[in-house]
Protein backbone atom coordinates (compact mmCIF):
# COMPACT_ATOMS: atom_id res chain seq x y z
CA MET A 1 -61.58 -144.91 -9.76
CA GLY A 2 -62.82 -147.57 -12.15
CA PHE A 3 -65.90 -149.75 -12.33
CA LEU A 4 -67.69 -150.33 -8.99
CA GLY A 5 -65.26 -147.97 -7.24
CA LEU A 6 -62.23 -150.20 -7.82
CA PRO A 7 -58.91 -148.52 -8.62
CA LYS A 8 -58.25 -148.21 -12.35
CA PRO A 9 -55.34 -150.30 -13.60
CA ARG A 10 -52.25 -148.27 -14.35
CA PRO A 11 -51.50 -147.71 -18.05
CA TRP A 12 -49.05 -150.14 -19.70
CA TRP A 13 -46.33 -147.52 -20.10
CA TRP A 14 -46.14 -147.04 -16.31
CA TYR A 15 -44.38 -150.40 -16.10
CA LEU A 16 -41.59 -149.43 -18.47
CA GLY A 17 -38.32 -148.59 -16.71
CA PRO A 18 -36.73 -151.46 -14.76
CA GLY A 19 -35.65 -153.21 -17.94
CA PHE A 20 -34.06 -150.05 -19.33
CA ILE A 21 -32.21 -149.53 -16.05
CA VAL A 22 -30.47 -152.89 -16.35
CA SER A 23 -30.09 -152.80 -20.14
CA VAL A 24 -27.12 -150.45 -19.88
CA GLY A 25 -25.13 -153.28 -18.32
CA TYR A 26 -25.31 -155.00 -21.71
CA MET A 27 -23.88 -152.06 -23.64
CA ASP A 28 -21.23 -150.90 -21.19
CA PRO A 29 -17.65 -149.89 -22.17
CA GLY A 30 -16.38 -153.45 -21.80
CA ASN A 31 -18.94 -154.66 -24.34
CA TRP A 32 -17.91 -151.84 -26.65
CA ALA A 33 -14.29 -152.93 -26.63
CA THR A 34 -15.15 -156.59 -27.31
CA SER A 35 -17.53 -155.80 -30.17
CA LEU A 36 -15.09 -153.33 -31.72
CA GLU A 37 -12.32 -155.92 -31.83
CA ALA A 38 -14.66 -158.67 -33.06
CA GLY A 39 -15.97 -156.52 -35.92
CA SER A 40 -12.58 -155.15 -36.93
CA ARG A 41 -10.94 -158.62 -36.96
CA TYR A 42 -13.70 -160.79 -38.41
CA GLY A 43 -16.17 -158.49 -40.09
CA TYR A 44 -19.80 -159.52 -39.63
CA SER A 45 -18.93 -163.15 -38.79
CA LEU A 46 -19.52 -162.91 -35.02
CA LEU A 47 -22.84 -161.05 -35.16
CA PHE A 48 -24.65 -164.29 -34.34
CA ILE A 49 -22.83 -164.39 -30.98
CA VAL A 50 -24.24 -160.95 -30.13
CA THR A 51 -27.73 -162.27 -30.88
CA LEU A 52 -27.19 -165.43 -28.80
CA SER A 53 -25.81 -163.36 -25.90
CA SER A 54 -28.85 -161.10 -25.97
CA ALA A 55 -31.22 -164.08 -25.92
CA MET A 56 -29.45 -165.45 -22.84
CA ALA A 57 -29.62 -162.04 -21.20
CA ILE A 58 -33.38 -161.89 -21.74
CA LEU A 59 -33.75 -165.34 -20.17
CA PHE A 60 -31.83 -164.55 -16.98
CA GLN A 61 -33.27 -161.06 -16.51
CA SER A 62 -36.76 -162.54 -16.95
CA LEU A 63 -36.00 -164.93 -14.08
CA ALA A 64 -34.96 -161.96 -11.93
CA VAL A 65 -38.27 -160.25 -12.79
CA ARG A 66 -40.21 -163.41 -11.95
CA LEU A 67 -38.51 -163.71 -8.56
CA GLY A 68 -39.23 -160.10 -7.57
CA VAL A 69 -42.84 -160.12 -8.72
CA ALA A 70 -43.77 -163.52 -7.27
CA THR A 71 -42.22 -163.07 -3.83
CA GLY A 72 -41.94 -159.31 -3.28
CA LEU A 73 -38.30 -159.86 -2.30
CA ASP A 74 -35.16 -159.26 -4.34
CA LEU A 75 -32.33 -161.72 -4.96
CA ALA A 76 -30.11 -160.37 -2.16
CA GLN A 77 -32.91 -160.70 0.39
CA HIS A 78 -33.60 -164.27 -0.70
CA MET A 79 -29.94 -165.21 -0.46
CA ARG A 80 -29.79 -163.82 3.10
CA LEU A 81 -32.89 -165.77 4.11
CA ARG A 82 -31.69 -168.98 2.48
CA HIS A 83 -28.16 -168.72 3.94
CA PRO A 84 -28.28 -166.81 7.27
CA GLY A 85 -24.92 -167.97 8.68
CA VAL A 86 -21.30 -167.95 7.57
CA LEU A 87 -22.20 -168.89 4.01
CA GLY A 88 -24.52 -165.89 3.80
CA ARG A 89 -21.75 -163.55 4.93
CA PHE A 90 -19.42 -165.07 2.36
CA LEU A 91 -22.01 -164.58 -0.38
CA PHE A 92 -22.45 -160.96 0.70
CA LEU A 93 -18.69 -160.38 0.53
CA THR A 94 -18.46 -161.83 -2.98
CA ALA A 95 -21.47 -159.82 -4.14
CA PHE A 96 -20.11 -156.58 -2.70
CA LEU A 97 -16.71 -157.15 -4.35
CA ALA A 98 -18.55 -157.77 -7.62
CA MET A 99 -20.30 -154.41 -7.23
CA VAL A 100 -16.94 -152.67 -6.77
CA ALA A 101 -15.48 -154.51 -9.77
CA THR A 102 -18.51 -153.53 -11.85
CA ASP A 103 -18.11 -149.91 -10.85
CA LEU A 104 -14.43 -150.03 -11.82
CA ALA A 105 -15.23 -151.18 -15.36
CA GLU A 106 -18.04 -148.69 -15.83
CA PHE A 107 -16.37 -145.53 -14.54
CA MET A 108 -13.20 -146.34 -16.51
CA GLY A 109 -15.27 -146.11 -19.69
CA MET A 110 -16.55 -142.72 -18.58
CA ALA A 111 -13.00 -141.60 -17.74
CA VAL A 112 -11.75 -142.69 -21.17
CA ALA A 113 -14.58 -140.73 -22.82
CA LEU A 114 -13.71 -137.56 -20.84
CA ASN A 115 -10.08 -138.05 -21.83
CA LEU A 116 -10.96 -138.39 -25.52
CA LEU A 117 -13.55 -135.61 -25.73
CA LEU A 118 -11.99 -133.02 -23.40
CA GLY A 119 -8.34 -134.05 -23.27
CA LEU A 120 -8.43 -134.54 -19.50
CA PRO A 121 -5.72 -136.72 -17.93
CA LEU A 122 -7.11 -140.17 -17.18
CA VAL A 123 -6.45 -139.95 -13.43
CA LEU A 124 -8.26 -136.60 -13.19
CA ALA A 125 -11.12 -137.92 -15.35
CA ALA A 126 -11.43 -140.95 -13.07
CA TRP A 127 -11.86 -138.71 -10.00
CA ILE A 128 -14.36 -136.49 -11.82
CA THR A 129 -16.58 -139.56 -12.24
CA VAL A 130 -17.18 -139.45 -8.47
CA LEU A 131 -19.54 -136.54 -9.13
CA ASP A 132 -22.08 -138.81 -10.79
CA VAL A 133 -22.77 -140.33 -7.35
CA PHE A 134 -24.20 -137.00 -6.24
CA LEU A 135 -26.21 -136.74 -9.47
CA ILE A 136 -27.94 -140.04 -8.64
CA LEU A 137 -28.70 -138.88 -5.10
CA TYR A 138 -30.18 -135.64 -6.45
CA LEU A 139 -32.39 -137.44 -8.95
CA GLU A 140 -33.66 -139.87 -6.30
CA ARG A 141 -35.19 -136.94 -4.42
CA PHE A 142 -37.79 -136.90 -7.22
CA GLY A 143 -38.54 -140.64 -7.00
CA PHE A 144 -37.47 -143.78 -8.80
CA ARG A 145 -39.07 -142.60 -12.05
CA ALA A 146 -36.60 -139.72 -12.27
CA VAL A 147 -33.61 -142.07 -12.11
CA GLU A 148 -35.19 -144.39 -14.66
CA ALA A 149 -35.96 -141.48 -16.98
CA ALA A 150 -32.38 -140.21 -16.74
CA VAL A 151 -30.89 -143.64 -17.48
CA THR A 152 -33.36 -144.23 -20.33
CA SER A 153 -32.37 -140.86 -21.82
CA LEU A 154 -28.71 -141.89 -21.70
CA VAL A 155 -29.61 -145.17 -23.40
CA GLY A 156 -31.31 -143.09 -26.08
CA ILE A 157 -28.13 -141.04 -26.55
CA ILE A 158 -26.11 -144.25 -26.97
CA GLY A 159 -28.58 -145.51 -29.57
CA LEU A 160 -28.61 -142.17 -31.41
CA SER A 161 -24.82 -142.05 -31.52
CA TYR A 162 -24.77 -145.43 -33.23
CA LEU A 163 -27.48 -144.47 -35.67
CA VAL A 164 -25.07 -141.73 -36.76
CA GLU A 165 -22.18 -144.23 -36.92
CA ILE A 166 -24.17 -146.70 -39.03
CA ALA A 167 -25.37 -143.96 -41.38
CA LEU A 168 -21.79 -142.77 -41.93
CA SER A 169 -20.21 -146.22 -42.20
CA LYS A 170 -22.68 -147.53 -44.84
CA PRO A 171 -22.47 -151.28 -44.01
CA SER A 172 -23.33 -154.11 -46.40
CA TRP A 173 -26.84 -155.08 -45.34
CA ALA A 174 -26.79 -158.15 -47.59
CA GLU A 175 -23.81 -159.50 -45.60
CA LEU A 176 -24.80 -158.48 -42.10
CA LEU A 177 -28.47 -159.56 -41.94
CA PRO A 178 -27.81 -163.33 -42.36
CA SER A 179 -24.92 -163.09 -39.87
CA LEU A 180 -27.28 -161.76 -37.20
CA PHE A 181 -29.09 -165.09 -36.95
CA LEU A 182 -26.84 -167.75 -38.48
CA PRO A 183 -23.47 -169.02 -37.19
CA ASN A 184 -20.66 -169.56 -39.68
CA ALA A 185 -17.37 -171.42 -40.06
CA THR A 186 -15.33 -168.47 -38.77
CA LEU A 187 -16.26 -169.53 -35.24
CA GLY A 188 -13.94 -172.50 -35.64
CA GLU A 189 -10.88 -170.27 -35.79
CA PRO A 190 -9.04 -170.00 -32.41
CA GLY A 191 -8.94 -166.19 -32.42
CA ALA A 192 -12.59 -165.87 -33.40
CA LEU A 193 -13.62 -168.43 -30.80
CA TYR A 194 -11.79 -166.49 -28.10
CA LEU A 195 -13.62 -163.26 -29.00
CA ALA A 196 -16.91 -165.13 -29.19
CA LEU A 197 -16.28 -166.48 -25.71
CA GLY A 198 -15.53 -162.93 -24.57
CA ILE A 199 -18.87 -161.67 -25.89
CA LEU A 200 -20.83 -164.58 -24.40
CA GLY A 201 -18.92 -164.85 -21.15
CA ALA A 202 -19.42 -161.18 -20.27
CA THR A 203 -23.14 -161.26 -21.05
CA VAL A 204 -24.51 -161.96 -17.60
CA MET A 205 -23.26 -159.62 -14.88
CA PRO A 206 -24.16 -160.16 -11.20
CA HIS A 207 -25.23 -156.58 -10.52
CA ASN A 208 -27.93 -156.69 -13.22
CA LEU A 209 -29.61 -159.68 -11.58
CA PHE A 210 -29.62 -158.13 -8.10
CA LEU A 211 -30.80 -154.77 -9.41
CA HIS A 212 -33.57 -156.04 -11.68
CA SER A 213 -35.12 -158.25 -8.99
CA ALA A 214 -35.24 -155.20 -6.71
CA GLN A 215 -36.33 -152.60 -9.26
CA VAL A 216 -39.47 -154.51 -10.25
CA LYS A 217 -40.76 -154.17 -6.70
CA THR A 218 -41.50 -150.50 -7.49
CA ARG A 219 -44.25 -151.74 -9.85
CA LEU A 220 -46.14 -154.12 -7.53
CA GLY A 221 -49.58 -153.40 -6.11
CA GLU A 222 -52.22 -154.81 -8.45
CA ASN A 223 -52.89 -157.98 -10.45
CA LEU A 224 -49.53 -159.74 -10.36
CA LYS A 225 -50.05 -161.64 -13.60
CA ARG A 226 -50.62 -158.38 -15.46
CA VAL A 227 -47.65 -156.77 -13.70
CA HIS A 228 -45.43 -159.72 -14.61
CA ARG A 229 -46.55 -159.71 -18.23
CA LEU A 230 -45.90 -155.99 -18.68
CA LEU A 231 -42.54 -156.17 -16.92
CA LEU A 232 -41.53 -158.96 -19.29
CA VAL A 233 -42.48 -156.68 -22.18
CA ASP A 234 -40.32 -153.96 -20.60
CA THR A 235 -37.41 -156.42 -20.31
CA PHE A 236 -37.79 -157.63 -23.89
CA LEU A 237 -37.95 -154.11 -25.33
CA ALA A 238 -34.99 -152.84 -23.31
CA LEU A 239 -32.70 -155.80 -23.98
CA THR A 240 -33.67 -155.88 -27.64
CA GLY A 241 -32.48 -152.30 -27.75
CA ALA A 242 -29.21 -153.35 -26.09
CA TRP A 243 -28.86 -156.12 -28.69
CA LEU A 244 -29.27 -153.60 -31.52
CA VAL A 245 -26.68 -151.27 -30.00
CA ASN A 246 -24.13 -154.05 -29.51
CA ALA A 247 -24.80 -155.29 -33.02
CA ALA A 248 -24.37 -151.73 -34.34
CA ILE A 249 -20.98 -151.42 -32.62
CA LEU A 250 -19.76 -154.61 -34.30
CA VAL A 251 -21.30 -153.63 -37.65
CA MET A 252 -19.64 -150.23 -37.60
CA ALA A 253 -16.28 -151.82 -36.78
CA ALA A 254 -16.72 -154.32 -39.61
CA ALA A 255 -17.77 -151.72 -42.17
CA VAL A 256 -15.15 -149.11 -41.25
CA PHE A 257 -12.11 -150.96 -39.89
CA HIS A 258 -12.30 -154.54 -41.21
CA GLN A 259 -12.86 -153.34 -44.76
CA ARG A 260 -9.60 -151.38 -44.50
CA GLY A 261 -7.60 -154.12 -42.83
CA LEU A 262 -7.46 -152.32 -39.46
CA VAL A 263 -7.74 -154.22 -36.16
CA ILE A 264 -9.05 -152.22 -33.19
CA ALA A 265 -8.29 -153.48 -29.68
CA ASP A 266 -8.75 -150.27 -27.68
CA LEU A 267 -11.48 -147.66 -27.22
CA ALA A 268 -9.11 -144.72 -27.70
CA GLN A 269 -7.72 -146.29 -30.87
CA ALA A 270 -11.24 -146.50 -32.33
CA TYR A 271 -11.94 -142.86 -31.52
CA HIS A 272 -8.71 -141.57 -33.07
CA THR A 273 -9.11 -143.77 -36.16
CA LEU A 274 -12.71 -142.79 -36.91
CA ALA A 275 -11.99 -139.10 -37.48
CA PRO A 276 -9.66 -139.46 -40.49
CA LEU A 277 -11.81 -142.25 -41.97
CA LEU A 278 -15.35 -140.90 -41.55
CA GLY A 279 -14.84 -137.35 -40.33
CA PRO A 280 -15.05 -135.56 -36.96
CA LEU A 281 -18.80 -136.19 -36.57
CA ALA A 282 -18.21 -139.95 -36.38
CA ALA A 283 -15.49 -139.55 -33.74
CA THR A 284 -17.62 -137.14 -31.70
CA ALA A 285 -20.65 -139.45 -31.87
CA PHE A 286 -18.44 -142.31 -30.68
CA GLY A 287 -17.07 -140.28 -27.76
CA VAL A 288 -20.50 -138.97 -26.70
CA GLY A 289 -21.98 -142.47 -26.88
CA LEU A 290 -19.10 -143.85 -24.79
CA LEU A 291 -19.60 -141.09 -22.21
CA ALA A 292 -23.34 -141.86 -22.01
CA SER A 293 -22.52 -145.57 -21.70
CA GLY A 294 -20.08 -144.99 -18.85
CA LEU A 295 -22.36 -142.57 -16.99
CA SER A 296 -25.47 -144.74 -17.27
CA SER A 297 -23.67 -147.96 -16.32
CA THR A 298 -21.99 -146.40 -13.27
CA THR A 299 -25.45 -145.25 -12.18
CA THR A 300 -26.83 -148.77 -12.26
CA GLY A 301 -23.70 -150.16 -10.60
CA THR A 302 -24.04 -147.91 -7.56
CA LEU A 303 -27.78 -148.60 -7.34
CA ALA A 304 -27.05 -152.33 -7.37
CA ALA A 305 -24.54 -151.92 -4.55
CA GLN A 306 -27.27 -150.40 -2.39
CA VAL A 307 -29.58 -153.33 -3.20
CA VAL A 308 -26.88 -155.83 -2.18
CA VAL A 309 -26.00 -154.12 1.11
CA GLU A 310 -29.60 -153.56 2.18
CA GLY A 311 -30.73 -157.02 1.08
CA PHE A 312 -27.96 -158.98 2.79
CA LEU A 313 -27.60 -156.83 5.91
CA GLN A 314 -31.34 -156.21 6.40
CA ALA A 315 -30.72 -152.55 7.12
CA ARG A 316 -31.32 -149.27 5.36
CA ALA A 317 -27.96 -148.08 4.03
CA ASN A 318 -27.04 -144.41 3.86
CA PRO A 319 -27.08 -143.95 0.06
CA ALA A 320 -24.48 -141.16 -0.03
CA ARG A 321 -21.97 -142.94 2.17
CA LEU A 322 -22.45 -146.31 0.52
CA ARG A 323 -22.10 -145.06 -3.03
CA LEU A 324 -19.08 -142.94 -2.17
CA LEU A 325 -17.53 -145.96 -0.49
CA VAL A 326 -18.08 -148.17 -3.54
CA ARG A 327 -16.70 -145.52 -5.90
CA LEU A 328 -13.66 -144.78 -3.72
CA LEU A 329 -12.88 -148.49 -3.37
CA ALA A 330 -12.76 -148.62 -7.17
CA VAL A 331 -11.19 -145.21 -7.92
CA LEU A 332 -8.29 -145.39 -5.46
CA PRO A 333 -6.63 -148.54 -6.84
CA ALA A 334 -7.53 -147.55 -10.40
CA SER A 335 -5.89 -144.15 -9.95
CA LEU A 336 -2.75 -145.78 -8.62
CA ALA A 337 -2.70 -148.21 -11.55
CA LEU A 338 -3.19 -145.38 -14.07
CA THR A 339 -0.41 -143.38 -12.41
CA LEU A 340 1.83 -146.41 -13.00
CA HIS A 341 0.75 -146.29 -16.68
CA ALA A 342 -1.62 -149.25 -16.60
CA SER A 343 -3.90 -149.54 -19.61
CA PRO A 344 -7.57 -148.65 -19.03
CA MET A 345 -8.47 -151.79 -20.97
CA ALA A 346 -6.27 -153.86 -18.64
CA LEU A 347 -8.28 -152.54 -15.67
CA ILE A 348 -11.55 -153.37 -17.41
CA VAL A 349 -10.30 -156.90 -18.14
CA PHE A 350 -9.29 -157.30 -14.48
CA SER A 351 -12.78 -156.31 -13.38
CA GLN A 352 -14.26 -158.93 -15.71
CA VAL A 353 -12.06 -161.59 -14.12
CA VAL A 354 -13.44 -160.65 -10.69
CA LEU A 355 -16.99 -160.81 -12.04
CA SER A 356 -16.41 -164.22 -13.62
CA LEU A 357 -15.23 -165.55 -10.26
CA GLN A 358 -18.34 -164.24 -8.52
CA LEU A 359 -20.85 -165.21 -11.21
CA PRO A 360 -21.76 -168.73 -9.98
CA PHE A 361 -22.54 -167.34 -6.50
CA THR A 362 -25.26 -165.17 -8.07
CA LEU A 363 -26.46 -167.05 -11.13
CA PHE A 364 -27.00 -170.49 -9.60
CA PRO A 365 -29.01 -169.22 -6.59
CA LEU A 366 -31.25 -167.28 -8.99
CA VAL A 367 -32.00 -170.33 -11.13
CA ARG A 368 -32.47 -172.51 -8.04
CA LEU A 369 -34.79 -170.05 -6.31
CA THR A 370 -37.03 -169.55 -9.35
CA SER A 371 -37.23 -173.33 -9.81
CA ASP A 372 -38.23 -173.98 -6.18
CA PRO A 373 -41.99 -174.37 -5.52
CA ALA A 374 -41.38 -173.77 -1.79
CA THR A 375 -40.12 -170.27 -2.64
CA MET A 376 -42.19 -169.44 -5.72
CA GLY A 377 -45.39 -171.41 -5.20
CA ALA A 378 -47.37 -171.48 -8.43
CA TRP A 379 -44.83 -169.09 -9.93
CA ALA A 380 -42.05 -171.71 -10.04
CA THR A 381 -40.61 -171.91 -13.53
CA PRO A 382 -41.97 -174.65 -15.80
CA PHE A 383 -39.72 -177.65 -16.44
CA SER A 384 -38.77 -176.53 -19.96
CA VAL A 385 -37.70 -173.08 -18.76
CA ARG A 386 -35.89 -174.64 -15.79
CA LEU A 387 -33.94 -176.96 -18.08
CA LEU A 388 -33.04 -174.11 -20.43
CA ALA A 389 -31.97 -171.89 -17.52
CA TRP A 390 -29.69 -174.51 -15.98
CA ALA A 391 -28.12 -175.27 -19.37
CA ALA A 392 -27.52 -171.58 -20.04
CA ALA A 393 -26.14 -171.03 -16.53
CA LEU A 394 -23.67 -173.88 -16.91
CA LEU A 395 -22.67 -172.58 -20.35
CA VAL A 396 -22.05 -169.06 -19.05
CA LEU A 397 -20.08 -170.42 -16.10
CA GLY A 398 -17.97 -172.63 -18.35
CA LEU A 399 -17.21 -169.75 -20.71
CA ASN A 400 -16.27 -167.44 -17.86
CA LEU A 401 -13.96 -170.07 -16.35
CA LEU A 402 -12.34 -170.64 -19.74
CA LEU A 403 -11.78 -166.91 -20.15
CA LEU A 404 -10.36 -166.76 -16.63
CA VAL A 405 -7.88 -169.55 -17.37
CA GLN A 406 -6.87 -167.85 -20.62
CA ALA A 407 -6.48 -164.47 -18.90
CA MET A 408 -4.29 -165.98 -16.17
CA GLY A 409 -2.14 -167.69 -18.77
CA ALA A 410 -1.76 -164.57 -20.91
């Protein structure tokens, strides 16, 4: 107890966690593939796009934090309350399909890592990923902190793997540092613009917004302004870490592959090319980091699915059944596609198309809700933030639609 018998405020570090849970969505296997190709094709030229993407991610995730803290309800619950009829059911269907698509992209990265590290057939590796559902359920028996600690540890493994990669690749710091913050003429090239759109367009994923708005509710209970401030710090630290990891992926690709005239457009290709160029340690670090990325991102994907179902349906979902259902809905068609020799990258691209279609049904309600004084009261976003959020939302939507049109025409 504190002064005059009042409860002592919790220490600042107690609020760390929700941001790190969602940060893995910004360094998932799909992001790896995009950054690898961007770095191998154009060197350090597109690093600025990684920085811009991360800034937009911080903006939207901060809105999700604001919504959860100010109202005590997550985004799915708000969407159900705002749209209780047919429209609400339609929004639930699109959100649930987005969760399945997200899970498809994430577990495919994990399956590719198991294939590369252990030589397992891709179909078998895909089915082995089902086991991580039970790992999440086991960890949740010890509380939400256990899940957050596990995911944060995996994020640490991803970061450590790329520290090894950067140390071995020896990039040109004089070239890369300006490129982190300044755009350059390379963006005007059609191929570079397409990759830049890929990096930006895949920045905001629906499941991260649902999950973050729900996860912050585990930290409520005292002065909301202090809670909000510390959760923003958590978000900034976690997504800054994701920015550094994504930048490191592109930097490694530029220093190792671009300098040798090699273009990498596949995760397996990067793994097999690293060993002869930098040695087995580099390839192993890449594979371990990819495995950690896939495992951590599938964890957050299944957690987000539970948030969506419970928020929209206003009922407590059976975690085991729900997460198995989401995984099976993703694994079954993926296994069939892999049996027919589909490329893992093609499946990841397909999942991104589904997410781009669903994005406006998640992003626009979030910006609208946080701008609405009737919902947020004094917590409604200031005009400047509102204007920036709408501009960024329209930009992300436009980029996703452009990528969708290009993917359909390919």
